[in-house]
């Protein structure tokens, strides 16, 4: 029984890892999504503009297991206060789809 549980756990972990790896973007793909969604009007990879740099976002959320969902919701709904008083407008699915947004959030958190 213990062996079966170990095999099941390993298989589940590998399946999840494969799904995560399949969603990873390279810098060019990420830049394309950011341009399409208009993110670059306020954000850059390594310098603060109107909003925080992506590296600053990654640093703030490093080690937070809930960060992908938290950031997904923040981008989707908009808001302010996490990085200062400047509000971030909501970004509806018509601007960036759920799958693309999840991939982009994962890429940002990997910076």
PDB file of N, CA and C in Angstrom:
ATOM      1  N   UNK A   1       0.824  -1.194   0.000  1.00  0.00           N
ATOM      2  CA  UNK A   1       0.000   0.000   0.000  1.00  0.00           C
ATOM      3  C   UNK A   1       0.867   1.257   0.000  1.00  0.00           C
ATOM      4  N   UNK A   2       1.913   1.250   0.811  1.00  0.00           N
ATOM      5  CA  UNK A   2       2.804   2.399   0.893  1.00  0.00           C
ATOM      6  C   UNK A   2       3.485   2.649  -0.453  1.00  0.00           C
ATOM      7  N   UNK A   3       3.870   1.576  -1.140  1.00  0.00           N
ATOM      8  CA  UNK A   3       4.516   1.697  -2.434  1.00  0.00           C
ATOM      9  C   UNK A   3       3.554   2.289  -3.461  1.00  0.00           C
ATOM     10  N   UNK A   4       2.307   1.848  -3.449  1.00  0.00           N
ATOM     11  CA  UNK A   4       1.307   2.378  -4.387  1.00  0.00           C
ATOM     12  C   UNK A   4       1.098   3.874  -4.157  1.00  0.00           C
ATOM     13  N   UNK A   5       1.054   4.276  -2.906  1.00  0.00           N
ATOM     14  CA  UNK A   5       0.870   5.682  -2.584  1.00  0.00           C
ATOM     15  C   UNK A   5       2.065   6.495  -3.079  1.00  0.00           C
ATOM     16  N   UNK A   6       3.250   5.965  -2.898  1.00  0.00           N
ATOM     17  CA  UNK A   6       4.453   6.642  -3.378  1.00  0.00           C
ATOM     18  C   UNK A   6       4.457   6.789  -4.889  1.00  0.00           C
ATOM     19  N   UNK A   7       4.062   5.738  -5.596  1.00  0.00           N
ATOM     20  CA  UNK A   7       4.006   5.776  -7.053  1.00  0.00           C
ATOM     21  C   UNK A   7       2.948   6.779  -7.511  1.00  0.00           C
ATOM     22  N   UNK A   8       1.806   6.769  -6.855  1.00  0.00           N
ATOM     23  CA  UNK A   8       0.738   7.706  -7.196  1.00  0.00           C
ATOM     24  C   UNK A   8       1.174   9.150  -6.958  1.00  0.00           C
ATOM     25  N   UNK A   9       1.821   9.387  -5.847  1.00  0.00           N
ATOM     26  CA  UNK A   9       2.305  10.735  -5.531  1.00  0.00           C
ATOM     27  C   UNK A   9       3.321  11.191  -6.565  1.00  0.00           C
ATOM     28  N   UNK A  10       4.249  10.324  -6.925  1.00  0.00           N
ATOM     29  CA  UNK A  10       5.259  10.654  -7.921  1.00  0.00           C
ATOM     30  C   UNK A  10       4.618  10.939  -9.275  1.00  0.00           C
ATOM     31  N   UNK A  11       3.673  10.118  -9.670  1.00  0.00           N
ATOM     32  CA  UNK A  11       3.000  10.306 -10.955  1.00  0.00           C
ATOM     33  C   UNK A  11       2.242  11.626 -10.984  1.00  0.00           C
ATOM     34  N   UNK A  12       1.571  11.940  -9.890  1.00  0.00           N
ATOM     35  CA  UNK A  12       0.828  13.198  -9.809  1.00  0.00           C
ATOM     36  C   UNK A  12       1.777  14.384  -9.895  1.00  0.00           C
ATOM     37  N   UNK A  13       2.884  14.312  -9.181  1.00  0.00           N
ATOM     38  CA  UNK A  13       3.872  15.390  -9.201  1.00  0.00           C
ATOM     39  C   UNK A  13       4.432  15.580 -10.604  1.00  0.00           C
ATOM     40  N   UNK A  14       4.765  14.495 -11.281  1.00  0.00           N
ATOM     41  CA  UNK A  14       5.304  14.595 -12.638  1.00  0.00           C
ATOM     42  C   UNK A  14       4.275  15.156 -13.603  1.00  0.00           C
ATOM     43  N   UNK A  15       3.026  14.761 -13.466  1.00  0.00           N
ATOM     44  CA  UNK A  15       1.973  15.277 -14.342  1.00  0.00           C
ATOM     45  C   UNK A  15       1.803  16.773 -14.138  1.00  0.00           C
ATOM     46  N   UNK A  16       1.803  17.212 -12.891  1.00  0.00           N
ATOM     47  CA  UNK A  16       1.666  18.635 -12.596  1.00  0.00           C
ATOM     48  C   UNK A  16       2.872  19.399 -13.122  1.00  0.00           C
ATOM     49  N   UNK A  17       4.066  18.865 -12.906  1.00  0.00           N
ATOM     50  CA  UNK A  17       5.281  19.521 -13.387  1.00  0.00           C
ATOM     51  C   UNK A  17       5.247  19.675 -14.893  1.00  0.00           C
ATOM     52  N   UNK A  18       4.779  18.653 -15.576  1.00  0.00           N
ATOM     53  CA  UNK A  18       4.675  18.715 -17.027  1.00  0.00           C
ATOM     54  C   UNK A  18       3.713  19.795 -17.469  1.00  0.00           C
ATOM     55  N   UNK A  19       2.595  19.944 -16.763  1.00  0.00           N
ATOM     56  CA  UNK A  19       1.621  20.976 -17.091  1.00  0.00           C
ATOM     57  C   UNK A  19       2.216  22.359 -16.871  1.00  0.00           C
ATOM     58  N   UNK A  20       2.958  22.524 -15.795  1.00  0.00           N
ATOM     59  CA  UNK A  20       3.584  23.811 -15.510  1.00  0.00           C
ATOM     60  C   UNK A  20       4.627  24.131 -16.572  1.00  0.00           C
ATOM     61  N   UNK A  21       5.456  23.163 -16.922  1.00  0.00           N
ATOM     62  CA  UNK A  21       6.489  23.392 -17.929  1.00  0.00           C
ATOM     63  C   UNK A  21       5.880  23.730 -19.282  1.00  0.00           C
ATOM     64  N   UNK A  22       4.749  23.107 -19.598  1.00  0.00           N
ATOM     65  CA  UNK A  22       4.097  23.369 -20.870  1.00  0.00           C
ATOM     66  C   UNK A  22       3.589  24.801 -20.944  1.00  0.00           C
ATOM     67  N   UNK A  23       3.356  25.428 -19.793  1.00  0.00           N
ATOM     68  CA  UNK A  23       2.824  26.778 -19.769  1.00  0.00           C
ATOM     69  C   UNK A  23       3.916  27.846 -19.736  1.00  0.00           C
ATOM     70  N   UNK A  24       5.164  27.474 -19.602  1.00  0.00           N
ATOM     71  CA  UNK A  24       6.225  28.465 -19.486  1.00  0.00           C
ATOM     72  C   UNK A  24       6.407  29.218 -20.805  1.00  0.00           C
ATOM     73  N   UNK A  25       6.730  30.478 -20.653  1.00  0.00           N
ATOM     74  CA  UNK A  25       6.968  31.338 -21.810  1.00  0.00           C
ATOM     75  C   UNK A  25       8.440  31.709 -21.872  1.00  0.00           C
ATOM     76  N   UNK A  26       8.930  31.958 -23.066  1.00  0.00           N
ATOM     77  CA  UNK A  26      10.259  32.558 -23.156  1.00  0.00           C
ATOM     78  C   UNK A  26      10.061  34.074 -23.175  1.00  0.00           C
ATOM     79  N   UNK A  27      11.127  34.821 -23.117  1.00  0.00           N
ATOM     80  CA  UNK A  27      11.037  36.284 -23.019  1.00  0.00           C
ATOM     81  C   UNK A  27      10.300  36.895 -24.217  1.00  0.00           C
ATOM     82  N   UNK A  28      10.526  36.356 -25.384  1.00  0.00           N
ATOM     83  CA  UNK A  28       9.859  36.874 -26.582  1.00  0.00           C
ATOM     84  C   UNK A  28       8.356  36.657 -26.547  1.00  0.00           C
ATOM     85  N   UNK A  29       7.947  35.480 -26.126  1.00  0.00           N
ATOM     86  CA  UNK A  29       6.517  35.196 -26.017  1.00  0.00           C
ATOM     87  C   UNK A  29       5.874  36.088 -24.955  1.00  0.00           C
ATOM     88  N   UNK A  30       6.559  36.249 -23.825  1.00  0.00           N
ATOM     89  CA  UNK A  30       6.037  37.098 -22.753  1.00  0.00           C
ATOM     90  C   UNK A  30       5.900  38.535 -23.241  1.00  0.00           C
ATOM     91  N   UNK A  31       6.907  39.020 -23.936  1.00  0.00           N
ATOM     92  CA  UNK A  31       6.863  40.383 -24.461  1.00  0.00           C
ATOM     93  C   UNK A  31       5.701  40.550 -25.435  1.00  0.00           C
ATOM     94  N   UNK A  32       5.467  39.545 -26.256  1.00  0.00           N
ATOM     95  CA  UNK A  32       4.347  39.598 -27.197  1.00  0.00           C
ATOM     96  C   UNK A  32       3.002  39.687 -26.483  1.00  0.00           C
ATOM     97  N   UNK A  33       2.830  38.890 -25.434  1.00  0.00           N
ATOM     98  CA  UNK A  33       1.586  38.947 -24.665  1.00  0.00           C
ATOM     99  C   UNK A  33       1.427  40.289 -23.961  1.00  0.00           C
ATOM    100  N   UNK A  34       2.524  40.803 -23.392  1.00  0.00           N
ATOM    101  CA  UNK A  34       2.468  42.097 -22.697  1.00  0.00           C
ATOM    102  C   UNK A  34       2.120  43.223 -23.672  1.00  0.00           C
ATOM    103  N   UNK A  35       2.674  43.166 -24.867  1.00  0.00           N
ATOM    104  CA  UNK A  35       2.388  44.184 -25.872  1.00  0.00           C
ATOM    105  C   UNK A  35       0.924  44.101 -26.295  1.00  0.00           C
ATOM    106  N   UNK A  36       0.461  42.908 -26.570  1.00  0.00           N
ATOM    107  CA  UNK A  36      -0.922  42.691 -26.999  1.00  0.00           C
ATOM    108  C   UNK A  36      -1.912  43.183 -25.937  1.00  0.00           C
ATOM    109  N   UNK A  37      -1.601  42.945 -24.659  1.00  0.00           N
ATOM    110  CA  UNK A  37      -2.502  43.317 -23.569  1.00  0.00           C
ATOM    111  C   UNK A  37      -2.300  44.756 -23.100  1.00  0.00           C
ATOM    112  N   UNK A  38      -1.234  45.409 -23.560  1.00  0.00           N
ATOM    113  CA  UNK A  38      -0.981  46.795 -23.178  1.00  0.00           C
ATOM    114  C   UNK A  38      -0.253  46.955 -21.852  1.00  0.00           C
ATOM    115  N   UNK A  39       0.317  45.885 -21.319  1.00  0.00           N
ATOM    116  CA  UNK A  39       1.006  45.930 -20.022  1.00  0.00           C
ATOM    117  C   UNK A  39       2.201  46.880 -20.047  1.00  0.00           C
ATOM    118  N   UNK A  40       2.872  46.950 -21.190  1.00  0.00           N
ATOM    119  CA  UNK A  40       4.104  47.732 -21.291  1.00  0.00           C
ATOM    120  C   UNK A  40       3.873  49.237 -21.184  1.00  0.00           C
ATOM    121  N   UNK A  41       2.628  49.657 -21.200  1.00  0.00           N
ATOM    122  CA  UNK A  41       2.341  51.079 -21.010  1.00  0.00           C
ATOM    123  C   UNK A  41       2.678  51.506 -19.581  1.00  0.00           C
ATOM    124  N   UNK A  42       2.624  50.565 -18.649  1.00  0.00           N
ATOM    125  CA  UNK A  42       2.849  50.892 -17.227  1.00  0.00           C
ATOM    126  C   UNK A  42       3.947  50.080 -16.555  1.00  0.00           C
ATOM    127  N   UNK A  43       4.373  48.981 -17.165  1.00  0.00           N
ATOM    128  CA  UNK A  43       5.330  48.073 -16.520  1.00  0.00           C
ATOM    129  C   UNK A  43       6.515  47.772 -17.422  1.00  0.00           C
ATOM    130  N   UNK A  44       7.651  47.483 -16.790  1.00  0.00           N
ATOM    131  CA  UNK A  44       8.862  47.020 -17.471  1.00  0.00           C
ATOM    132  C   UNK A  44       9.435  45.870 -16.651  1.00  0.00           C
ATOM    133  N   UNK A  45      10.354  45.144 -17.225  1.00  0.00           N
ATOM    134  CA  UNK A  45      10.935  43.997 -16.534  1.00  0.00           C
ATOM    135  C   UNK A  45      11.763  44.419 -15.337  1.00  0.00           C
ATOM    136  N   UNK A  46      12.633  45.395 -15.530  1.00  0.00           N
ATOM    137  CA  UNK A  46      13.594  45.692 -14.458  1.00  0.00           C
ATOM    138  C   UNK A  46      13.629  47.143 -13.980  1.00  0.00           C
ATOM    139  N   UNK A  47      12.620  47.939 -14.346  1.00  0.00           N
ATOM    140  CA  UNK A  47      12.583  49.309 -13.831  1.00  0.00           C
ATOM    141  C   UNK A  47      11.139  49.724 -13.567  1.00  0.00           C
ATOM    142  N   UNK A  48      10.972  50.509 -12.525  1.00  0.00           N
ATOM    143  CA  UNK A  48       9.654  51.021 -12.178  1.00  0.00           C
ATOM    144  C   UNK A  48       9.243  52.058 -13.205  1.00  0.00           C
ATOM    145  N   UNK A  49       8.013  51.966 -13.634  1.00  0.00           N
ATOM    146  CA  UNK A  49       7.440  52.983 -14.516  1.00  0.00           C
ATOM    147  C   UNK A  49       6.233  53.554 -13.763  1.00  0.00           C
ATOM    148  N   UNK A  50       5.070  53.501 -14.344  1.00  0.00           N
ATOM    149  CA  UNK A  50       3.852  53.879 -13.629  1.00  0.00           C
ATOM    150  C   UNK A  50       3.578  52.829 -12.557  1.00  0.00           C
ATOM    151  N   UNK A  51       3.751  51.574 -12.942  1.00  0.00           N
ATOM    152  CA  UNK A  51       3.596  50.451 -12.017  1.00  0.00           C
ATOM    153  C   UNK A  51       4.944  49.841 -11.707  1.00  0.00           C
ATOM    154  N   UNK A  52       4.953  48.844 -10.843  1.00  0.00           N
ATOM    155  CA  UNK A  52       6.223  48.226 -10.445  1.00  0.00           C
ATOM    156  C   UNK A  52       6.869  47.417 -11.570  1.00  0.00           C
ATOM    157  N   UNK A  53       8.180  47.257 -11.453  1.00  0.00           N
ATOM    158  CA  UNK A  53       8.903  46.378 -12.366  1.00  0.00           C
ATOM    159  C   UNK A  53       8.490  44.935 -12.082  1.00  0.00           C
ATOM    160  N   UNK A  54       8.514  44.098 -13.099  1.00  0.00           N
ATOM    161  CA  UNK A  54       8.148  42.700 -12.905  1.00  0.00           C
ATOM    162  C   UNK A  54       9.081  42.024 -11.909  1.00  0.00           C
ATOM    163  N   UNK A  55      10.356  42.412 -11.917  1.00  0.00           N
ATOM    164  CA  UNK A  55      11.301  41.830 -10.959  1.00  0.00           C
ATOM    165  C   UNK A  55      10.921  42.206  -9.532  1.00  0.00           C
ATOM    166  N   UNK A  56      10.402  43.399  -9.329  1.00  0.00           N
ATOM    167  CA  UNK A  56       9.949  43.838  -8.013  1.00  0.00           C
ATOM    168  C   UNK A  56       8.728  43.015  -7.562  1.00  0.00           C
ATOM    169  N   UNK A  57       7.836  42.746  -8.500  1.00  0.00           N
ATOM    170  CA  UNK A  57       6.655  41.927  -8.205  1.00  0.00           C
ATOM    171  C   UNK A  57       7.103  40.523  -7.806  1.00  0.00           C
ATOM    172  N   UNK A  58       8.007  39.950  -8.586  1.00  0.00           N
ATOM    173  CA  UNK A  58       8.505  38.602  -8.293  1.00  0.00           C
ATOM    174  C   UNK A  58       9.156  38.549  -6.918  1.00  0.00           C
ATOM    175  N   UNK A  59       9.932  39.566  -6.589  1.00  0.00           N
ATOM    176  CA  UNK A  59      10.617  39.607  -5.290  1.00  0.00           C
ATOM    177  C   UNK A  59       9.608  39.676  -4.142  1.00  0.00           C
ATOM    178  N   UNK A  60       8.584  40.495  -4.309  1.00  0.00           N
ATOM    179  CA  UNK A  60       7.576  40.650  -3.255  1.00  0.00           C
ATOM    180  C   UNK A  60       6.835  39.343  -2.982  1.00  0.00           C
ATOM    181  N   UNK A  61       6.565  38.574  -4.028  1.00  0.00           N
ATOM    182  CA  UNK A  61       5.758  37.364  -3.887  1.00  0.00           C
ATOM    183  C   UNK A  61       6.573  36.074  -3.828  1.00  0.00           C
ATOM    184  N   UNK A  62       7.893  36.198  -3.785  1.00  0.00           N
ATOM    185  CA  UNK A  62       8.745  35.006  -3.749  1.00  0.00           C
ATOM    186  C   UNK A  62       8.385  34.120  -2.551  1.00  0.00           C
ATOM    187  N   UNK A  63       8.209  32.840  -2.799  1.00  0.00           N
ATOM    188  CA  UNK A  63       7.910  31.879  -1.752  1.00  0.00           C
ATOM    189  C   UNK A  63       6.443  31.824  -1.350  1.00  0.00           C
ATOM    190  N   UNK A  64       5.601  32.646  -1.949  1.00  0.00           N
ATOM    191  CA  UNK A  64       4.174  32.658  -1.638  1.00  0.00           C
ATOM    192  C   UNK A  64       3.459  31.694  -2.579  1.00  0.00           C
ATOM    193  N   UNK A  65       2.989  30.585  -2.040  1.00  0.00           N
ATOM    194  CA  UNK A  65       2.330  29.565  -2.857  1.00  0.00           C
ATOM    195  C   UNK A  65       1.042  30.078  -3.493  1.00  0.00           C
ATOM    196  N   UNK A  66       0.452  31.095  -2.909  1.00  0.00           N
ATOM    197  CA  UNK A  66      -0.803  31.638  -3.432  1.00  0.00           C
ATOM    198  C   UNK A  66      -0.572  32.769  -4.437  1.00  0.00           C
ATOM    199  N   UNK A  67       0.670  33.110  -4.680  1.00  0.00           N
ATOM    200  CA  UNK A  67       0.996  34.243  -5.549  1.00  0.00           C
ATOM    201  C   UNK A  67       0.390  34.140  -6.953  1.00  0.00           C
ATOM    202  N   UNK A  68       0.449  32.994  -7.629  1.00  0.00           N
ATOM    203  CA  UNK A  68      -0.128  32.955  -8.981  1.00  0.00           C
ATOM    204  C   UNK A  68      -1.608  33.328  -9.008  1.00  0.00           C
ATOM    205  N   UNK A  69      -2.376  32.784  -8.099  1.00  0.00           N
ATOM    206  CA  UNK A  69      -3.812  33.102  -8.064  1.00  0.00           C
ATOM    207  C   UNK A  69      -4.040  34.539  -7.610  1.00  0.00           C
ATOM    208  N   UNK A  70      -3.277  34.989  -6.620  1.00  0.00           N
ATOM    209  CA  UNK A  70      -3.402  36.363  -6.125  1.00  0.00           C
ATOM    210  C   UNK A  70      -3.141  37.370  -7.246  1.00  0.00           C
ATOM    211  N   UNK A  71      -2.047  37.178  -7.966  1.00  0.00           N
ATOM    212  CA  UNK A  71      -1.710  38.110  -9.042  1.00  0.00           C
ATOM    213  C   UNK A  71      -2.684  38.015 -10.210  1.00  0.00           C
ATOM    214  N   UNK A  72      -3.135  36.808 -10.506  1.00  0.00           N
ATOM    215  CA  UNK A  72      -4.141  36.643 -11.561  1.00  0.00           C
ATOM    216  C   UNK A  72      -5.355  37.512 -11.235  1.00  0.00           C
ATOM    217  N   UNK A  73      -5.836  37.415  -9.998  1.00  0.00           N
ATOM    218  CA  UNK A  73      -7.014  38.179  -9.586  1.00  0.00           C
ATOM    219  C   UNK A  73      -6.735  39.684  -9.575  1.00  0.00           C
ATOM    220  N   UNK A  74      -5.540  40.080  -9.139  1.00  0.00           N
ATOM    221  CA  UNK A  74      -5.186  41.507  -9.112  1.00  0.00           C
ATOM    222  C   UNK A  74      -5.170  42.080 -10.528  1.00  0.00           C
ATOM    223  N   UNK A  75      -4.609  41.349 -11.470  1.00  0.00           N
ATOM    224  CA  UNK A  75      -4.560  41.830 -12.849  1.00  0.00           C
ATOM    225  C   UNK A  75      -5.966  41.856 -13.430  1.00  0.00           C
ATOM    226  N   UNK A  76      -6.726  40.822 -13.176  1.00  0.00           N
ATOM    227  CA  UNK A  76      -8.063  40.718 -13.743  1.00  0.00           C
ATOM    228  C   UNK A  76      -8.998  41.813 -13.192  1.00  0.00           C
ATOM    229  N   UNK A  77      -8.986  42.023 -11.871  1.00  0.00           N
ATOM    230  CA  UNK A  77      -9.924  42.959 -11.233  1.00  0.00           C
ATOM    231  C   UNK A  77      -9.380  44.379 -11.124  1.00  0.00           C
ATOM    232  N   UNK A  78      -8.066  44.548 -11.195  1.00  0.00           N
ATOM    233  CA  UNK A  78      -7.468  45.853 -10.982  1.00  0.00           C
ATOM    234  C   UNK A  78      -7.402  46.160  -9.492  1.00  0.00           C
ATOM    235  N   UNK A  79      -6.948  47.345  -9.153  1.00  0.00           N
ATOM    236  CA  UNK A  79      -6.876  47.737  -7.751  1.00  0.00           C
ATOM    237  C   UNK A  79      -5.690  48.634  -7.492  1.00  0.00           C
ATOM    238  N   UNK A  80      -5.453  48.917  -6.224  1.00  0.00           N
ATOM    239  CA  UNK A  80      -4.310  49.745  -5.850  1.00  0.00           C
ATOM    240  C   UNK A  80      -3.882  49.402  -4.437  1.00  0.00           C
ATOM    241  N   UNK A  81      -2.722  49.927  -4.061  1.00  0.00           N
ATOM    242  CA  UNK A  81      -2.246  49.747  -2.701  1.00  0.00           C
ATOM    243  C   UNK A  81      -1.133  48.744  -2.532  1.00  0.00           C
ATOM    244  N   UNK A  82      -1.020  47.763  -3.398  1.00  0.00           N
ATOM    245  CA  UNK A  82       0.011  46.742  -3.234  1.00  0.00           C
ATOM    246  C   UNK A  82       1.407  47.304  -3.484  1.00  0.00           C
ATOM    247  N   UNK A  83       1.522  48.259  -4.395  1.00  0.00           N
ATOM    248  CA  UNK A  83       2.815  48.855  -4.740  1.00  0.00           C
ATOM    249  C   UNK A  83       2.748  50.380  -4.745  1.00  0.00           C
ATOM    250  N   UNK A  84       1.790  50.921  -4.066  1.00  0.00           N
ATOM    251  CA  UNK A  84       1.650  52.370  -4.006  1.00  0.00           C
ATOM    252  C   UNK A  84       0.243  52.807  -4.368  1.00  0.00           C
ATOM    253  N   UNK A  85       0.045  54.108  -4.449  1.00  0.00           N
ATOM    254  CA  UNK A  85      -1.308  54.641  -4.628  1.00  0.00           C
ATOM    255  C   UNK A  85      -1.846  54.635  -6.060  1.00  0.00           C
ATOM    256  N   UNK A  86      -0.999  54.413  -7.049  1.00  0.00           N
ATOM    257  CA  UNK A  86      -1.460  54.454  -8.437  1.00  0.00           C
ATOM    258  C   UNK A  86      -2.304  53.215  -8.727  1.00  0.00           C
ATOM    259  N   UNK A  87      -3.565  53.416  -9.127  1.00  0.00           N
ATOM    260  CA  UNK A  87      -4.429  52.255  -9.386  1.00  0.00           C
ATOM    261  C   UNK A  87      -4.067  51.539 -10.682  1.00  0.00           C
ATOM    262  N   UNK A  88      -4.269  50.240 -10.662  1.00  0.00           N
ATOM    263  CA  UNK A  88      -4.108  49.430 -11.869  1.00  0.00           C
ATOM    264  C   UNK A  88      -5.510  49.164 -12.400  1.00  0.00           C
ATOM    265  N   UNK A  89      -5.758  49.470 -13.665  1.00  0.00           N
ATOM    266  CA  UNK A  89      -7.095  49.217 -14.207  1.00  0.00           C
ATOM    267  C   UNK A  89      -7.351  47.722 -14.364  1.00  0.00           C
ATOM    268  N   UNK A  90      -8.609  47.321 -14.352  1.00  0.00           N
ATOM    269  CA  UNK A  90      -8.911  45.904 -14.577  1.00  0.00           C
ATOM    270  C   UNK A  90      -8.551  45.495 -16.003  1.00  0.00           C
ATOM    271  N   UNK A  91      -8.209  44.245 -16.157  1.00  0.00           N
ATOM    272  CA  UNK A  91      -7.849  43.694 -17.463  1.00  0.00           C
ATOM    273  C   UNK A  91      -8.775  42.525 -17.767  1.00  0.00           C
ATOM    274  N   UNK A  92      -9.864  42.775 -18.498  1.00  0.00           N
ATOM    275  CA  UNK A  92     -10.866  41.740 -18.760  1.00  0.00           C
ATOM    276  C   UNK A  92     -10.352  40.660 -19.713  1.00  0.00           C
ATOM    277  N   UNK A  93     -11.047  39.531 -19.762  1.00  0.00           N
ATOM    278  CA  UNK A  93     -10.652  38.443 -20.668  1.00  0.00           C
ATOM    279  C   UNK A  93     -10.617  38.852 -22.136  1.00  0.00           C
ATOM    280  N   UNK A  94     -11.331  39.902 -22.500  1.00  0.00           N
ATOM    281  CA  UNK A  94     -11.273  40.367 -23.891  1.00  0.00           C
ATOM    282  C   UNK A  94      -9.933  41.030 -24.206  1.00  0.00           C
ATOM    283  N   UNK A  95      -9.224  41.475 -23.163  1.00  0.00           N
ATOM    284  CA  UNK A  95      -7.914  42.103 -23.334  1.00  0.00           C
ATOM    285  C   UNK A  95      -6.792  41.061 -23.285  1.00  0.00           C
ATOM    286  N   UNK A  96      -6.895  40.118 -22.338  1.00  0.00           N
ATOM    287  CA  UNK A  96      -5.949  39.005 -22.228  1.00  0.00           C
ATOM    288  C   UNK A  96      -6.711  37.810 -21.674  1.00  0.00           C
ATOM    289  N   UNK A  97      -6.691  36.719 -22.394  1.00  0.00           N
ATOM    290  CA  UNK A  97      -7.429  35.518 -22.006  1.00  0.00           C
ATOM    291  C   UNK A  97      -6.867  34.887 -20.731  1.00  0.00           C
ATOM    292  N   UNK A  98      -7.667  34.066 -20.085  1.00  0.00           N
ATOM    293  CA  UNK A  98      -7.262  33.419 -18.835  1.00  0.00           C
ATOM    294  C   UNK A  98      -5.981  32.614 -18.983  1.00  0.00           C
ATOM    295  N   UNK A  99      -5.888  31.800 -20.018  1.00  0.00           N
ATOM    296  CA  UNK A  99      -4.686  30.966 -20.193  1.00  0.00           C
ATOM    297  C   UNK A  99      -3.441  31.824 -20.405  1.00  0.00           C
ATOM    298  N   UNK A 100      -3.560  32.842 -21.240  1.00  0.00           N
ATOM    299  CA  UNK A 100      -2.416  33.725 -21.469  1.00  0.00           C
ATOM    300  C   UNK A 100      -2.047  34.490 -20.210  1.00  0.00           C
ATOM    301  N   UNK A 101      -3.036  34.925 -19.449  1.00  0.00           N
ATOM    302  CA  UNK A 101      -2.751  35.649 -18.212  1.00  0.00           C
ATOM    303  C   UNK A 101      -2.056  34.745 -17.201  1.00  0.00           C
ATOM    304  N   UNK A 102      -2.493  33.507 -17.083  1.00  0.00           N
ATOM    305  CA  UNK A 102      -1.837  32.564 -16.159  1.00  0.00           C
ATOM    306  C   UNK A 102      -0.385  32.336 -16.563  1.00  0.00           C
ATOM    307  N   UNK A 103      -0.144  32.191 -17.851  1.00  0.00           N
ATOM    308  CA  UNK A 103       1.224  32.002 -18.335  1.00  0.00           C
ATOM    309  C   UNK A 103       2.079  33.233 -18.049  1.00  0.00           C
ATOM    310  N   UNK A 104       1.504  34.407 -18.282  1.00  0.00           N
ATOM    311  CA  UNK A 104       2.248  35.641 -18.069  1.00  0.00           C
ATOM    312  C   UNK A 104       2.548  35.860 -16.584  1.00  0.00           C
ATOM    313  N   UNK A 105       1.592  35.564 -15.719  1.00  0.00           N
ATOM    314  CA  UNK A 105       1.830  35.670 -14.273  1.00  0.00           C
ATOM    315  C   UNK A 105       2.944  34.724 -13.860  1.00  0.00           C
ATOM    316  N   UNK A 106       2.938  33.494 -14.363  1.00  0.00           N
ATOM    317  CA  UNK A 106       3.996  32.536 -14.039  1.00  0.00           C
ATOM    318  C   UNK A 106       5.359  33.071 -14.505  1.00  0.00           C
ATOM    319  N   UNK A 107       5.380  33.665 -15.684  1.00  0.00           N
ATOM    320  CA  UNK A 107       6.623  34.231 -16.207  1.00  0.00           C
ATOM    321  C   UNK A 107       7.103  35.381 -15.332  1.00  0.00           C
ATOM    322  N   UNK A 108       6.207  36.261 -14.922  1.00  0.00           N
ATOM    323  CA  UNK A 108       6.563  37.390 -14.056  1.00  0.00           C
ATOM    324  C   UNK A 108       7.132  36.887 -12.731  1.00  0.00           C
ATOM    325  N   UNK A 109       6.490  35.894 -12.144  1.00  0.00           N
ATOM    326  CA  UNK A 109       6.953  35.365 -10.869  1.00  0.00           C
ATOM    327  C   UNK A 109       8.307  34.672 -10.973  1.00  0.00           C
ATOM    328  N   UNK A 110       8.692  34.276 -12.176  1.00  0.00           N
ATOM    329  CA  UNK A 110       9.988  33.611 -12.381  1.00  0.00           C
ATOM    330  C   UNK A 110      11.127  34.604 -12.597  1.00  0.00           C
ATOM    331  N   UNK A 111      10.829  35.896 -12.627  1.00  0.00           N
ATOM    332  CA  UNK A 111      11.865  36.905 -12.880  1.00  0.00           C
ATOM    333  C   UNK A 111      12.784  37.056 -11.695  1.00  0.00           C
TER     334      UNK A 111
END
